[in-house]
Amino acid sequence: MPNKKATATRKRSPCGNLSIINEEILPMSKPLGYYTAYTPGDNSLLEKLQEEYGSTFEKITKREKLVILTVLASHIGCQLDGDVRGEIFAIAKQMRDQLSLSDQGGVMQAIIEQIRWGQNAEPVHHS
């Protein structure tokens, strides 16, 4: 079953006056095992998730996927040393307010790949 591509249209959403995503056909993303240590038949949580929600999480809505990202990002962030510079919160707010949903998703993808593959500045420590 193909994934969907997003195109923005203006509509009222439960989160306020935001662009809601309409759907068009797009090529399938890679299965969960491509990104993780999942091995078929290992009876792991990853296997159970794939069985329940599909190998590309196609049975999870975009909103639900964003909740998962939020929870996992918060958990990983709490495990790291260092402080967050105040300017980072201001930058995040500017991105939220001024970037299209497509560009926000692109920034998220870039950040995820940088975190995963080690392109990160040294932690900031305030004395």
PDB file of N, CA and C in Angstrom:
ATOM      1  N   MET A   1       0.851  -1.188   0.000  1.00  0.00           N
ATOM      2  CA  MET A   1       0.000   0.000   0.000  1.00  0.00           C
ATOM      3  C   MET A   1       0.883   1.233   0.000  1.00  0.00           C
ATOM      4  N   PRO A   2       0.731   2.158  -0.930  1.00  0.00           N
ATOM      5  CA  PRO A   2       1.587   3.328  -1.007  1.00  0.00           C
ATOM      6  C   PRO A   2       1.325   4.310   0.127  1.00  0.00           C
ATOM      7  N   ASN A   3       2.377   5.031   0.498  1.00  0.00           N
ATOM      8  CA  ASN A   3       2.227   6.107   1.468  1.00  0.00           C
ATOM      9  C   ASN A   3       1.587   7.291   0.771  1.00  0.00           C
ATOM     10  N   LYS A   4       1.337   8.335   1.501  1.00  0.00           N
ATOM     11  CA  LYS A   4       0.714   9.527   0.952  1.00  0.00           C
ATOM     12  C   LYS A   4       1.696  10.686   1.006  1.00  0.00           C
ATOM     13  N   LYS A   5       1.627  11.579   0.035  1.00  0.00           N
ATOM     14  CA  LYS A   5       2.413  12.802   0.028  1.00  0.00           C
ATOM     15  C   LYS A   5       1.532  13.935   0.524  1.00  0.00           C
ATOM     16  N   ALA A   6       2.130  14.845   1.253  1.00  0.00           N
ATOM     17  CA  ALA A   6       1.372  15.945   1.837  1.00  0.00           C
ATOM     18  C   ALA A   6       1.356  17.163   0.930  1.00  0.00           C
ATOM     19  N   THR A   7       0.194  17.792   0.850  1.00  0.00           N
ATOM     20  CA  THR A   7       0.053  19.110   0.246  1.00  0.00           C
ATOM     21  C   THR A   7      -0.793  19.929   1.204  1.00  0.00           C
ATOM     22  N   ALA A   8      -0.392  21.162   1.451  1.00  0.00           N
ATOM     23  CA  ALA A   8      -1.072  21.965   2.468  1.00  0.00           C
ATOM     24  C   ALA A   8      -2.265  22.716   1.895  1.00  0.00           C
ATOM     25  N   THR A   9      -3.334  22.771   2.680  1.00  0.00           N
ATOM     26  CA  THR A   9      -4.474  23.628   2.404  1.00  0.00           C
ATOM     27  C   THR A   9      -4.875  24.261   3.727  1.00  0.00           C
ATOM     28  N   ARG A  10      -5.514  25.405   3.681  1.00  0.00           N
ATOM     29  CA  ARG A  10      -5.917  26.070   4.924  1.00  0.00           C
ATOM     30  C   ARG A  10      -7.238  25.496   5.409  1.00  0.00           C
ATOM     31  N   LYS A  11      -7.275  25.115   6.669  1.00  0.00           N
ATOM     32  CA  LYS A  11      -8.462  24.571   7.321  1.00  0.00           C
ATOM     33  C   LYS A  11      -8.328  24.794   8.811  1.00  0.00           C
ATOM     34  N   ARG A  12      -9.408  24.824   9.507  1.00  0.00           N
ATOM     35  CA  ARG A  12      -9.379  24.950  10.968  1.00  0.00           C
ATOM     36  C   ARG A  12      -9.072  23.588  11.557  1.00  0.00           C
ATOM     37  N   SER A  13      -8.116  23.526  12.477  1.00  0.00           N
ATOM     38  CA  SER A  13      -7.778  22.263  13.124  1.00  0.00           C
ATOM     39  C   SER A  13      -7.956  22.394  14.628  1.00  0.00           C
ATOM     40  N   PRO A  14      -7.922  21.274  15.365  1.00  0.00           N
ATOM     41  CA  PRO A  14      -8.047  21.344  16.816  1.00  0.00           C
ATOM     42  C   PRO A  14      -6.914  22.130  17.467  1.00  0.00           C
ATOM     43  N   CYS A  15      -5.784  22.306  16.770  1.00  0.00           N
ATOM     44  CA  CYS A  15      -4.634  23.032  17.314  1.00  0.00           C
ATOM     45  C   CYS A  15      -4.688  24.518  16.982  1.00  0.00           C
ATOM     46  N   GLY A  16      -5.724  24.997  16.374  1.00  0.00           N
ATOM     47  CA  GLY A  16      -5.820  26.393  15.966  1.00  0.00           C
ATOM     48  C   GLY A  16      -5.895  26.483  14.460  1.00  0.00           C
ATOM     49  N   ASN A  17      -5.731  27.683  13.926  1.00  0.00           N
ATOM     50  CA  ASN A  17      -5.832  27.891  12.489  1.00  0.00           C
ATOM     51  C   ASN A  17      -4.524  27.485  11.819  1.00  0.00           C
ATOM     52  N   LEU A  18      -4.375  26.196  11.511  1.00  0.00           N
ATOM     53  CA  LEU A  18      -3.165  25.646  10.914  1.00  0.00           C
ATOM     54  C   LEU A  18      -3.458  25.061   9.554  1.00  0.00           C
ATOM     55  N   SER A  19      -2.406  24.856   8.788  1.00  0.00           N
ATOM     56  CA  SER A  19      -2.561  24.149   7.526  1.00  0.00           C
ATOM     57  C   SER A  19      -2.733  22.667   7.819  1.00  0.00           C
ATOM     58  N   ILE A  20      -3.787  22.089   7.278  1.00  0.00           N
ATOM     59  CA  ILE A  20      -4.034  20.660   7.428  1.00  0.00           C
ATOM     60  C   ILE A  20      -3.546  19.985   6.156  1.00  0.00           C
ATOM     61  N   ILE A  21      -3.097  18.782   6.270  1.00  0.00           N
ATOM     62  CA  ILE A  21      -2.485  18.100   5.151  1.00  0.00           C
ATOM     63  C   ILE A  21      -3.505  17.270   4.377  1.00  0.00           C
ATOM     64  N   ASN A  22      -3.567  17.496   3.059  1.00  0.00           N
ATOM     65  CA  ASN A  22      -4.316  16.634   2.149  1.00  0.00           C
ATOM     66  C   ASN A  22      -3.357  15.564   1.663  1.00  0.00           C
ATOM     67  N   GLU A  23      -3.855  14.522   1.034  1.00  0.00           N
ATOM     68  CA  GLU A  23      -2.993  13.413   0.679  1.00  0.00           C
ATOM     69  C   GLU A  23      -2.965  13.145  -0.817  1.00  0.00           C
ATOM     70  N   GLU A  24      -1.771  12.848  -1.323  1.00  0.00           N
ATOM     71  CA  GLU A  24      -1.535  12.379  -2.678  1.00  0.00           C
ATOM     72  C   GLU A  24      -0.650  11.144  -2.573  1.00  0.00           C
ATOM     73  N   ILE A  25      -0.631  10.308  -3.595  1.00  0.00           N
ATOM     74  CA  ILE A  25       0.190   9.102  -3.595  1.00  0.00           C
ATOM     75  C   ILE A  25       1.679   9.458  -3.656  1.00  0.00           C
ATOM     76  N   LEU A  26       2.499   8.756  -2.914  1.00  0.00           N
ATOM     77  CA  LEU A  26       3.942   8.945  -2.869  1.00  0.00           C
ATOM     78  C   LEU A  26       4.599   7.576  -2.704  1.00  0.00           C
ATOM     79  N   PRO A  27       5.833   7.375  -3.144  1.00  0.00           N
ATOM     80  CA  PRO A  27       6.480   6.070  -2.979  1.00  0.00           C
ATOM     81  C   PRO A  27       6.586   5.656  -1.508  1.00  0.00           C
ATOM     82  N   MET A  28       6.630   4.363  -1.280  1.00  0.00           N
ATOM     83  CA  MET A  28       6.681   3.789   0.062  1.00  0.00           C
ATOM     84  C   MET A  28       8.001   4.112   0.758  1.00  0.00           C
ATOM     85  N   SER A  29       7.955   4.348   2.062  1.00  0.00           N
ATOM     86  CA  SER A  29       9.186   4.517   2.824  1.00  0.00           C
ATOM     87  C   SER A  29       9.774   3.139   3.134  1.00  0.00           C
ATOM     88  N   LYS A  30      10.959   3.145   3.671  1.00  0.00           N
ATOM     89  CA  LYS A  30      11.627   1.881   3.990  1.00  0.00           C
ATOM     90  C   LYS A  30      10.997   1.257   5.237  1.00  0.00           C
ATOM     91  N   PRO A  31      11.080  -0.071   5.377  1.00  0.00           N
ATOM     92  CA  PRO A  31      10.515  -0.733   6.563  1.00  0.00           C
ATOM     93  C   PRO A  31      11.329  -0.436   7.824  1.00  0.00           C
ATOM     94  N   LEU A  32      10.702  -0.626   8.959  1.00  0.00           N
ATOM     95  CA  LEU A  32      11.287  -0.349  10.265  1.00  0.00           C
ATOM     96  C   LEU A  32      12.663  -0.994  10.443  1.00  0.00           C
ATOM     97  N   GLY A  33      12.836  -2.207   9.964  1.00  0.00           N
ATOM     98  CA  GLY A  33      14.109  -2.910  10.107  1.00  0.00           C
ATOM     99  C   GLY A  33      15.270  -2.211   9.428  1.00  0.00           C
ATOM    100  N   TYR A  34      15.007  -1.379   8.443  1.00  0.00           N
ATOM    101  CA  TYR A  34      16.062  -0.621   7.772  1.00  0.00           C
ATOM    102  C   TYR A  34      16.714   0.375   8.734  1.00  0.00           C
ATOM    103  N   TYR A  35      15.912   0.920   9.649  1.00  0.00           N
ATOM    104  CA  TYR A  35      16.373   1.969  10.550  1.00  0.00           C
ATOM    105  C   TYR A  35      16.768   1.462  11.934  1.00  0.00           C
ATOM    106  N   THR A  36      16.405   0.245  12.268  1.00  0.00           N
ATOM    107  CA  THR A  36      16.581  -0.267  13.630  1.00  0.00           C
ATOM    108  C   THR A  36      17.295  -1.619  13.620  1.00  0.00           C
ATOM    109  N   ALA A  37      17.475  -2.174  14.818  1.00  0.00           N
ATOM    110  CA  ALA A  37      18.107  -3.482  14.972  1.00  0.00           C
ATOM    111  C   ALA A  37      17.087  -4.617  14.899  1.00  0.00           C
ATOM    112  N   TYR A  38      15.901  -4.328  14.404  1.00  0.00           N
ATOM    113  CA  TYR A  38      14.860  -5.359  14.305  1.00  0.00           C
ATOM    114  C   TYR A  38      15.310  -6.512  13.417  1.00  0.00           C
ATOM    115  N   THR A  39      15.102  -7.726  13.926  1.00  0.00           N
ATOM    116  CA  THR A  39      15.357  -8.950  13.166  1.00  0.00           C
ATOM    117  C   THR A  39      14.076  -9.763  13.169  1.00  0.00           C
ATOM    118  N   PRO A  40      13.549 -10.120  11.995  1.00  0.00           N
ATOM    119  CA  PRO A  40      12.313 -10.908  11.959  1.00  0.00           C
ATOM    120  C   PRO A  40      12.433 -12.167  12.829  1.00  0.00           C
ATOM    121  N   GLY A  41      11.377 -12.410  13.603  1.00  0.00           N
ATOM    122  CA  GLY A  41      11.333 -13.586  14.470  1.00  0.00           C
ATOM    123  C   GLY A  41      11.981 -13.392  15.823  1.00  0.00           C
ATOM    124  N   ASP A  42      12.421 -12.174  16.150  1.00  0.00           N
ATOM    125  CA  ASP A  42      13.111 -11.977  17.432  1.00  0.00           C
ATOM    126  C   ASP A  42      12.162 -11.711  18.608  1.00  0.00           C
ATOM    127  N   ASN A  43      10.853 -11.647  18.344  1.00  0.00           N
ATOM    128  CA  ASN A  43       9.836 -11.461  19.381  1.00  0.00           C
ATOM    129  C   ASN A  43      10.066 -10.187  20.209  1.00  0.00           C
ATOM    130  N   SER A  44      10.634  -9.168  19.577  1.00  0.00           N
ATOM    131  CA  SER A  44      10.938  -7.908  20.263  1.00  0.00           C
ATOM    132  C   SER A  44       9.753  -6.944  20.164  1.00  0.00           C
ATOM    133  N   LEU A  45       9.870  -5.835  20.867  1.00  0.00           N
ATOM    134  CA  LEU A  45       8.866  -4.777  20.752  1.00  0.00           C
ATOM    135  C   LEU A  45       8.781  -4.296  19.308  1.00  0.00           C
ATOM    136  N   LEU A  46       9.932  -4.159  18.644  1.00  0.00           N
ATOM    137  CA  LEU A  46       9.922  -3.710  17.251  1.00  0.00           C
ATOM    138  C   LEU A  46       9.130  -4.672  16.368  1.00  0.00           C
ATOM    139  N   GLU A  47       9.251  -5.959  16.612  1.00  0.00           N
ATOM    140  CA  GLU A  47       8.487  -6.931  15.827  1.00  0.00           C
ATOM    141  C   GLU A  47       6.988  -6.787  16.101  1.00  0.00           C
ATOM    142  N   LYS A  48       6.642  -6.616  17.358  1.00  0.00           N
ATOM    143  CA  LYS A  48       5.232  -6.458  17.718  1.00  0.00           C
ATOM    144  C   LYS A  48       4.644  -5.170  17.118  1.00  0.00           C
ATOM    145  N   LEU A  49       5.423  -4.103  17.144  1.00  0.00           N
ATOM    146  CA  LEU A  49       4.961  -2.844  16.553  1.00  0.00           C
ATOM    147  C   LEU A  49       4.750  -2.992  15.051  1.00  0.00           C
ATOM    148  N   GLN A  50       5.684  -3.675  14.397  1.00  0.00           N
ATOM    149  CA  GLN A  50       5.565  -3.875  12.956  1.00  0.00           C
ATOM    150  C   GLN A  50       4.340  -4.722  12.622  1.00  0.00           C
ATOM    151  N   GLU A  51       4.083  -5.751  13.415  1.00  0.00           N
ATOM    152  CA  GLU A  51       2.912  -6.598  13.173  1.00  0.00           C
ATOM    153  C   GLU A  51       1.614  -5.817  13.384  1.00  0.00           C
ATOM    154  N   GLU A  52       1.583  -4.977  14.396  1.00  0.00           N
ATOM    155  CA  GLU A  52       0.373  -4.226  14.740  1.00  0.00           C
ATOM    156  C   GLU A  52       0.128  -3.029  13.815  1.00  0.00           C
ATOM    157  N   TYR A  53       1.200  -2.305  13.478  1.00  0.00           N
ATOM    158  CA  TYR A  53       1.038  -1.028  12.781  1.00  0.00           C
ATOM    159  C   TYR A  53       1.635  -0.997  11.377  1.00  0.00           C
ATOM    160  N   GLY A  54       2.178  -2.108  10.904  1.00  0.00           N
ATOM    161  CA  GLY A  54       2.760  -2.185   9.566  1.00  0.00           C
ATOM    162  C   GLY A  54       4.254  -1.908   9.577  1.00  0.00           C
ATOM    163  N   SER A  55       4.930  -2.440   8.581  1.00  0.00           N
ATOM    164  CA  SER A  55       6.392  -2.321   8.537  1.00  0.00           C
ATOM    165  C   SER A  55       6.863  -0.892   8.305  1.00  0.00           C
ATOM    166  N   THR A  56       6.002  -0.042   7.772  1.00  0.00           N
ATOM    167  CA  THR A  56       6.332   1.372   7.591  1.00  0.00           C
ATOM    168  C   THR A  56       5.427   2.263   8.457  1.00  0.00           C
ATOM    169  N   PHE A  57       4.829   1.667   9.482  1.00  0.00           N
ATOM    170  CA  PHE A  57       3.894   2.370  10.378  1.00  0.00           C
ATOM    171  C   PHE A  57       2.743   3.005   9.614  1.00  0.00           C
ATOM    172  N   GLU A  58       2.328   2.351   8.536  1.00  0.00           N
ATOM    173  CA  GLU A  58       1.246   2.891   7.712  1.00  0.00           C
ATOM    174  C   GLU A  58      -0.097   2.893   8.429  1.00  0.00           C
ATOM    175  N   LYS A  59      -0.223   2.194   9.554  1.00  0.00           N
ATOM    176  CA  LYS A  59      -1.478   2.180  10.307  1.00  0.00           C
ATOM    177  C   LYS A  59      -1.466   3.194  11.452  1.00  0.00           C
ATOM    178  N   ILE A  60      -0.477   4.077  11.453  1.00  0.00           N
ATOM    179  CA  ILE A  60      -0.387   5.145  12.453  1.00  0.00           C
ATOM    180  C   ILE A  60      -0.557   6.466  11.709  1.00  0.00           C
ATOM    181  N   THR A  61      -1.405   7.344  12.237  1.00  0.00           N
ATOM    182  CA  THR A  61      -1.648   8.633  11.576  1.00  0.00           C
ATOM    183  C   THR A  61      -0.435   9.550  11.714  1.00  0.00           C
ATOM    184  N   LYS A  62      -0.403  10.571  10.890  1.00  0.00           N
ATOM    185  CA  LYS A  62       0.681  11.561  10.962  1.00  0.00           C
ATOM    186  C   LYS A  62       0.724  12.195  12.347  1.00  0.00           C
ATOM    187  N   ARG A  63      -0.427  12.547  12.881  1.00  0.00           N
ATOM    188  CA  ARG A  63      -0.473  13.163  14.211  1.00  0.00           C
ATOM    189  C   ARG A  63       0.084  12.221  15.268  1.00  0.00           C
ATOM    190  N   GLU A  64      -0.282  10.942  15.194  1.00  0.00           N
ATOM    191  CA  GLU A  64       0.224   9.955  16.153  1.00  0.00           C
ATOM    192  C   GLU A  64       1.733   9.767  16.014  1.00  0.00           C
ATOM    193  N   LYS A  65       2.238   9.782  14.783  1.00  0.00           N
ATOM    194  CA  LYS A  65       3.684   9.669  14.565  1.00  0.00           C
ATOM    195  C   LYS A  65       4.410  10.860  15.182  1.00  0.00           C
ATOM    196  N   LEU A  66       3.828  12.058  15.069  1.00  0.00           N
ATOM    197  CA  LEU A  66       4.442  13.234  15.675  1.00  0.00           C
ATOM    198  C   LEU A  66       4.457  13.142  17.196  1.00  0.00           C
ATOM    199  N   VAL A  67       3.424  12.551  17.782  1.00  0.00           N
ATOM    200  CA  VAL A  67       3.419  12.332  19.234  1.00  0.00           C
ATOM    201  C   VAL A  67       4.560  11.389  19.619  1.00  0.00           C
ATOM    202  N   ILE A  68       4.729  10.315  18.854  1.00  0.00           N
ATOM    203  CA  ILE A  68       5.825   9.373  19.128  1.00  0.00           C
ATOM    204  C   ILE A  68       7.168  10.097  19.028  1.00  0.00           C
ATOM    205  N   LEU A  69       7.358  10.901  17.980  1.00  0.00           N
ATOM    206  CA  LEU A  69       8.604  11.663  17.847  1.00  0.00           C
ATOM    207  C   LEU A  69       8.825  12.587  19.039  1.00  0.00           C
ATOM    208  N   THR A  70       7.774  13.262  19.478  1.00  0.00           N
ATOM    209  CA  THR A  70       7.882  14.181  20.610  1.00  0.00           C
ATOM    210  C   THR A  70       8.326  13.444  21.870  1.00  0.00           C
ATOM    211  N   VAL A  71       7.693  12.322  22.156  1.00  0.00           N
ATOM    212  CA  VAL A  71       8.013  11.545  23.359  1.00  0.00           C
ATOM    213  C   VAL A  71       9.446  11.015  23.298  1.00  0.00           C
ATOM    214  N   LEU A  72       9.817  10.429  22.154  1.00  0.00           N
ATOM    215  CA  LEU A  72      11.165   9.870  22.032  1.00  0.00           C
ATOM    216  C   LEU A  72      12.234  10.966  22.064  1.00  0.00           C
ATOM    217  N   ALA A  73      11.978  12.091  21.391  1.00  0.00           N
ATOM    218  CA  ALA A  73      12.945  13.189  21.396  1.00  0.00           C
ATOM    219  C   ALA A  73      13.131  13.736  22.810  1.00  0.00           C
ATOM    220  N   SER A  74      12.040  13.881  23.543  1.00  0.00           N
ATOM    221  CA  SER A  74      12.126  14.365  24.920  1.00  0.00           C
ATOM    222  C   SER A  74      12.920  13.392  25.787  1.00  0.00           C
ATOM    223  N   HIS A  75      12.648  12.118  25.645  1.00  0.00           N
ATOM    224  CA  HIS A  75      13.356  11.099  26.430  1.00  0.00           C
ATOM    225  C   HIS A  75      14.856  11.099  26.124  1.00  0.00           C
ATOM    226  N   ILE A  76      15.209  11.115  24.849  1.00  0.00           N
ATOM    227  CA  ILE A  76      16.623  11.124  24.470  1.00  0.00           C
ATOM    228  C   ILE A  76      17.289  12.410  24.951  1.00  0.00           C
ATOM    229  N   GLY A  77      16.614  13.545  24.782  1.00  0.00           N
ATOM    230  CA  GLY A  77      17.164  14.825  25.217  1.00  0.00           C
ATOM    231  C   GLY A  77      17.457  14.862  26.702  1.00  0.00           C
ATOM    232  N   CYS A  78      16.617  14.248  27.500  1.00  0.00           N
ATOM    233  CA  CYS A  78      16.814  14.221  28.953  1.00  0.00           C
ATOM    234  C   CYS A  78      17.997  13.348  29.368  1.00  0.00           C
ATOM    235  N   GLN A  79      18.462  12.493  28.479  1.00  0.00           N
ATOM    236  CA  GLN A  79      19.599  11.615  28.781  1.00  0.00           C
ATOM    237  C   GLN A  79      20.936  12.310  28.507  1.00  0.00           C
ATOM    238  N   LEU A  80      20.923  13.463  27.844  1.00  0.00           N
ATOM    239  CA  LEU A  80      22.147  14.126  27.400  1.00  0.00           C
ATOM    240  C   LEU A  80      22.610  15.182  28.384  1.00  0.00           C
ATOM    241  N   ASP A  81      23.925  15.388  28.419  1.00  0.00           N
ATOM    242  CA  ASP A  81      24.525  16.419  29.262  1.00  0.00           C
ATOM    243  C   ASP A  81      24.384  17.779  28.590  1.00  0.00           C
ATOM    244  N   GLY A  82      24.515  18.819  29.389  1.00  0.00           N
ATOM    245  CA  GLY A  82      24.540  20.171  28.860  1.00  0.00           C
ATOM    246  C   GLY A  82      23.204  20.871  28.970  1.00  0.00           C
ATOM    247  N   ASP A  83      23.251  22.170  28.752  1.00  0.00           N
ATOM    248  CA  ASP A  83      22.067  23.018  28.815  1.00  0.00           C
ATOM    249  C   ASP A  83      21.637  23.394  27.398  1.00  0.00           C
ATOM    250  N   VAL A  84      20.426  23.898  27.288  1.00  0.00           N
ATOM    251  CA  VAL A  84      19.929  24.393  26.000  1.00  0.00           C
ATOM    252  C   VAL A  84      20.016  25.917  26.032  1.00  0.00           C
ATOM    253  N   ARG A  85      20.702  26.484  25.048  1.00  0.00           N
ATOM    254  CA  ARG A  85      20.826  27.938  24.956  1.00  0.00           C
ATOM    255  C   ARG A  85      19.448  28.552  24.714  1.00  0.00           C
ATOM    256  N   GLY A  86      19.191  29.683  25.335  1.00  0.00           N
ATOM    257  CA  GLY A  86      17.915  30.374  25.181  1.00  0.00           C
ATOM    258  C   GLY A  86      17.588  30.693  23.737  1.00  0.00           C
ATOM    259  N   GLU A  87      18.608  31.002  22.940  1.00  0.00           N
ATOM    260  CA  GLU A  87      18.379  31.352  21.538  1.00  0.00           C
ATOM    261  C   GLU A  87      17.781  30.184  20.756  1.00  0.00           C
ATOM    262  N   ILE A  88      18.022  28.948  21.191  1.00  0.00           N
ATOM    263  CA  ILE A  88      17.493  27.772  20.494  1.00  0.00           C
ATOM    264  C   ILE A  88      15.969  27.750  20.597  1.00  0.00           C
ATOM    265  N   PHE A  89      15.427  28.140  21.758  1.00  0.00           N
ATOM    266  CA  PHE A  89      13.972  28.215  21.908  1.00  0.00           C
ATOM    267  C   PHE A  89      13.398  29.291  20.980  1.00  0.00           C
ATOM    268  N   ALA A  90      14.098  30.409  20.863  1.00  0.00           N
ATOM    269  CA  ALA A  90      13.647  31.485  19.973  1.00  0.00           C
ATOM    270  C   ALA A  90      13.700  31.027  18.512  1.00  0.00           C
ATOM    271  N   ILE A  91      14.762  30.321  18.138  1.00  0.00           N
ATOM    272  CA  ILE A  91      14.874  29.808  16.768  1.00  0.00           C
ATOM    273  C   ILE A  91      13.744  28.821  16.482  1.00  0.00           C
ATOM    274  N   ALA A  92      13.470  27.922  17.432  1.00  0.00           N
ATOM    275  CA  ALA A  92      12.401  26.936  17.249  1.00  0.00           C
ATOM    276  C   ALA A  92      11.057  27.630  17.059  1.00  0.00           C
ATOM    277  N   LYS A  93      10.814  28.692  17.833  1.00  0.00           N
ATOM    278  CA  LYS A  93       9.561  29.438  17.694  1.00  0.00           C
ATOM    279  C   LYS A  93       9.486  30.104  16.321  1.00  0.00           C
ATOM    280  N   GLN A  94      10.586  30.673  15.864  1.00  0.00           N
ATOM    281  CA  GLN A  94      10.602  31.293  14.533  1.00  0.00           C
ATOM    282  C   GLN A  94      10.323  30.253  13.450  1.00  0.00           C
ATOM    283  N   MET A  95      10.936  29.087  13.574  1.00  0.00           N
ATOM    284  CA  MET A  95      10.686  28.012  12.600  1.00  0.00           C
ATOM    285  C   MET A  95       9.219  27.630  12.593  1.00  0.00           C
ATOM    286  N   ARG A  96       8.654  27.460  13.790  1.00  0.00           N
ATOM    287  CA  ARG A  96       7.240  27.092  13.900  1.00  0.00           C
ATOM    288  C   ARG A  96       6.346  28.130  13.245  1.00  0.00           C
ATOM    289  N   ASP A  97       6.659  29.399  13.475  1.00  0.00           N
ATOM    290  CA  ASP A  97       5.800  30.486  13.004  1.00  0.00           C
ATOM    291  C   ASP A  97       6.019  30.862  11.535  1.00  0.00           C
ATOM    292  N   GLN A  98       7.222  30.667  11.018  1.00  0.00           N
ATOM    293  CA  GLN A  98       7.540  31.214   9.706  1.00  0.00           C
ATOM    294  C   GLN A  98       7.787  30.182   8.606  1.00  0.00           C
ATOM    295  N   LEU A  99       8.055  28.930   8.961  1.00  0.00           N
ATOM    296  CA  LEU A  99       8.314  27.920   7.934  1.00  0.00           C
ATOM    297  C   LEU A  99       7.030  27.195   7.553  1.00  0.00           C
ATOM    298  N   SER A 100       6.943  26.779   6.308  1.00  0.00           N
ATOM    299  CA  SER A 100       5.816  25.948   5.879  1.00  0.00           C
ATOM    300  C   SER A 100       5.886  24.604   6.601  1.00  0.00           C
ATOM    301  N   LEU A 101       4.779  23.890   6.614  1.00  0.00           N
ATOM    302  CA  LEU A 101       4.783  22.560   7.225  1.00  0.00           C
ATOM    303  C   LEU A 101       5.788  21.651   6.531  1.00  0.00           C
ATOM    304  N   SER A 102       5.911  21.771   5.227  1.00  0.00           N
ATOM    305  CA  SER A 102       6.873  20.967   4.490  1.00  0.00           C
ATOM    306  C   SER A 102       8.301  21.271   4.941  1.00  0.00           C
ATOM    307  N   ASP A 103       8.642  22.543   5.084  1.00  0.00           N
ATOM    308  CA  ASP A 103       9.980  22.908   5.540  1.00  0.00           C
ATOM    309  C   ASP A 103      10.205  22.513   7.000  1.00  0.00           C
ATOM    310  N   GLN A 104       9.167  22.596   7.820  1.00  0.00           N
ATOM    311  CA  GLN A 104       9.310  22.138   9.202  1.00  0.00           C
ATOM    312  C   GLN A 104       9.640  20.650   9.234  1.00  0.00           C
ATOM    313  N   GLY A 105       8.961  19.869   8.393  1.00  0.00           N
ATOM    314  CA  GLY A 105       9.266  18.443   8.296  1.00  0.00           C
ATOM    315  C   GLY A 105      10.678  18.201   7.798  1.00  0.00           C
ATOM    316  N   GLY A 106      11.129  19.021   6.839  1.00  0.00           N
ATOM    317  CA  GLY A 106      12.495  18.904   6.341  1.00  0.00           C
ATOM    318  C   GLY A 106      13.526  19.197   7.411  1.00  0.00           C
ATOM    319  N   VAL A 107      13.273  20.224   8.223  1.00  0.00           N
ATOM    320  CA  VAL A 107      14.172  20.540   9.332  1.00  0.00           C
ATOM    321  C   VAL A 107      14.196  19.375  10.321  1.00  0.00           C
ATOM    322  N   MET A 108      13.019  18.812  10.612  1.00  0.00           N
ATOM    323  CA  MET A 108      12.965  17.659  11.526  1.00  0.00           C
ATOM    324  C   MET A 108      13.791  16.500  10.983  1.00  0.00           C
ATOM    325  N   GLN A 109      13.638  16.207   9.700  1.00  0.00           N
ATOM    326  CA  GLN A 109      14.386  15.105   9.100  1.00  0.00           C
ATOM    327  C   GLN A 109      15.888  15.369   9.166  1.00  0.00           C
ATOM    328  N   ALA A 110      16.311  16.597   8.851  1.00  0.00           N
ATOM    329  CA  ALA A 110      17.731  16.940   8.909  1.00  0.00           C
ATOM    330  C   ALA A 110      18.269  16.760  10.330  1.00  0.00           C
ATOM    331  N   ILE A 111      17.530  17.235  11.317  1.00  0.00           N
ATOM    332  CA  ILE A 111      17.976  17.134  12.708  1.00  0.00           C
ATOM    333  C   ILE A 111      18.047  15.676  13.148  1.00  0.00           C
ATOM    334  N   ILE A 112      17.048  14.880  12.796  1.00  0.00           N
ATOM    335  CA  ILE A 112      17.065  13.459  13.163  1.00  0.00           C
ATOM    336  C   ILE A 112      18.298  12.778  12.580  1.00  0.00           C
ATOM    337  N   GLU A 113      18.597  13.031  11.308  1.00  0.00           N
ATOM    338  CA  GLU A 113      19.769  12.405  10.688  1.00  0.00           C
ATOM    339  C   GLU A 113      21.057  12.888  11.333  1.00  0.00           C
ATOM    340  N   GLN A 114      21.140  14.164  11.696  1.00  0.00           N
ATOM    341  CA  GLN A 114      22.335  14.684  12.356  1.00  0.00           C
ATOM    342  C   GLN A 114      22.519  14.060  13.740  1.00  0.00           C
ATOM    343  N   ILE A 115      21.429  13.922  14.490  1.00  0.00           N
ATOM    344  CA  ILE A 115      21.508  13.288  15.812  1.00  0.00           C
ATOM    345  C   ILE A 115      21.937  11.835  15.666  1.00  0.00           C
ATOM    346  N   ARG A 116      21.324  11.138  14.738  1.00  0.00           N
ATOM    347  CA  ARG A 116      21.587   9.710  14.548  1.00  0.00           C
ATOM    348  C   ARG A 116      23.018   9.445  14.111  1.00  0.00           C
ATOM    349  N   TRP A 117      23.566  10.289  13.242  1.00  0.00           N
ATOM    350  CA  TRP A 117      24.879  10.013  12.656  1.00  0.00           C
ATOM    351  C   TRP A 117      25.990  10.906  13.192  1.00  0.00           C
ATOM    352  N   GLY A 118      25.725  11.606  14.298  1.00  0.00           N
ATOM    353  CA  GLY A 118      26.799  12.254  15.036  1.00  0.00           C
ATOM    354  C   GLY A 118      27.236  13.634  14.604  1.00  0.00           C
ATOM    355  N   GLN A 119      26.428  14.369  13.859  1.00  0.00           N
ATOM    356  CA  GLN A 119      26.797  15.732  13.480  1.00  0.00           C
ATOM    357  C   GLN A 119      26.241  16.696  14.522  1.00  0.00           C
ATOM    358  N   ASN A 120      26.914  16.780  15.646  1.00  0.00           N
ATOM    359  CA  ASN A 120      26.399  17.575  16.752  1.00  0.00           C
ATOM    360  C   ASN A 120      27.506  18.413  17.382  1.00  0.00           C
ATOM    361  N   ALA A 121      27.167  19.623  17.823  1.00  0.00           N
ATOM    362  CA  ALA A 121      28.107  20.470  18.540  1.00  0.00           C
ATOM    363  C   ALA A 121      28.321  19.893  19.932  1.00  0.00           C
ATOM    364  N   GLU A 122      29.389  20.333  20.570  1.00  0.00           N
ATOM    365  CA  GLU A 122      29.654  19.925  21.958  1.00  0.00           C
ATOM    366  C   GLU A 122      28.588  20.508  22.877  1.00  0.00           C
ATOM    367  N   PRO A 123      28.251  19.788  23.981  1.00  0.00           N
ATOM    368  CA  PRO A 123      27.235  20.293  24.917  1.00  0.00           C
ATOM    369  C   PRO A 123      27.645  21.645  25.520  1.00  0.00           C
ATOM    370  N   VAL A 124      26.653  22.475  25.791  1.00  0.00           N
ATOM    371  CA  VAL A 124      26.868  23.773  26.424  1.00  0.00           C
ATOM    372  C   VAL A 124      26.695  23.586  27.920  1.00  0.00           C
ATOM    373  N   HIS A 125      27.671  24.072  28.687  1.00  0.00           N
ATOM    374  CA  HIS A 125      27.597  24.010  30.156  1.00  0.00           C
ATOM    375  C   HIS A 125      27.696  25.424  30.701  1.00  0.00           C
ATOM    376  N   HIS A 126      26.703  25.831  31.483  1.00  0.00           N
ATOM    377  CA  HIS A 126      26.705  27.149  32.093  1.00  0.00           C
ATOM    378  C   HIS A 126      27.241  27.018  33.514  1.00  0.00           C
ATOM    379  N   SER A 127      28.114  27.955  33.913  1.00  0.00           N
ATOM    380  CA  SER A 127      28.648  27.873  35.271  1.00  0.00           C
ATOM    381  C   SER A 127      27.944  28.792  36.216  1.00  0.00           C
TER     382      SER A 127
END
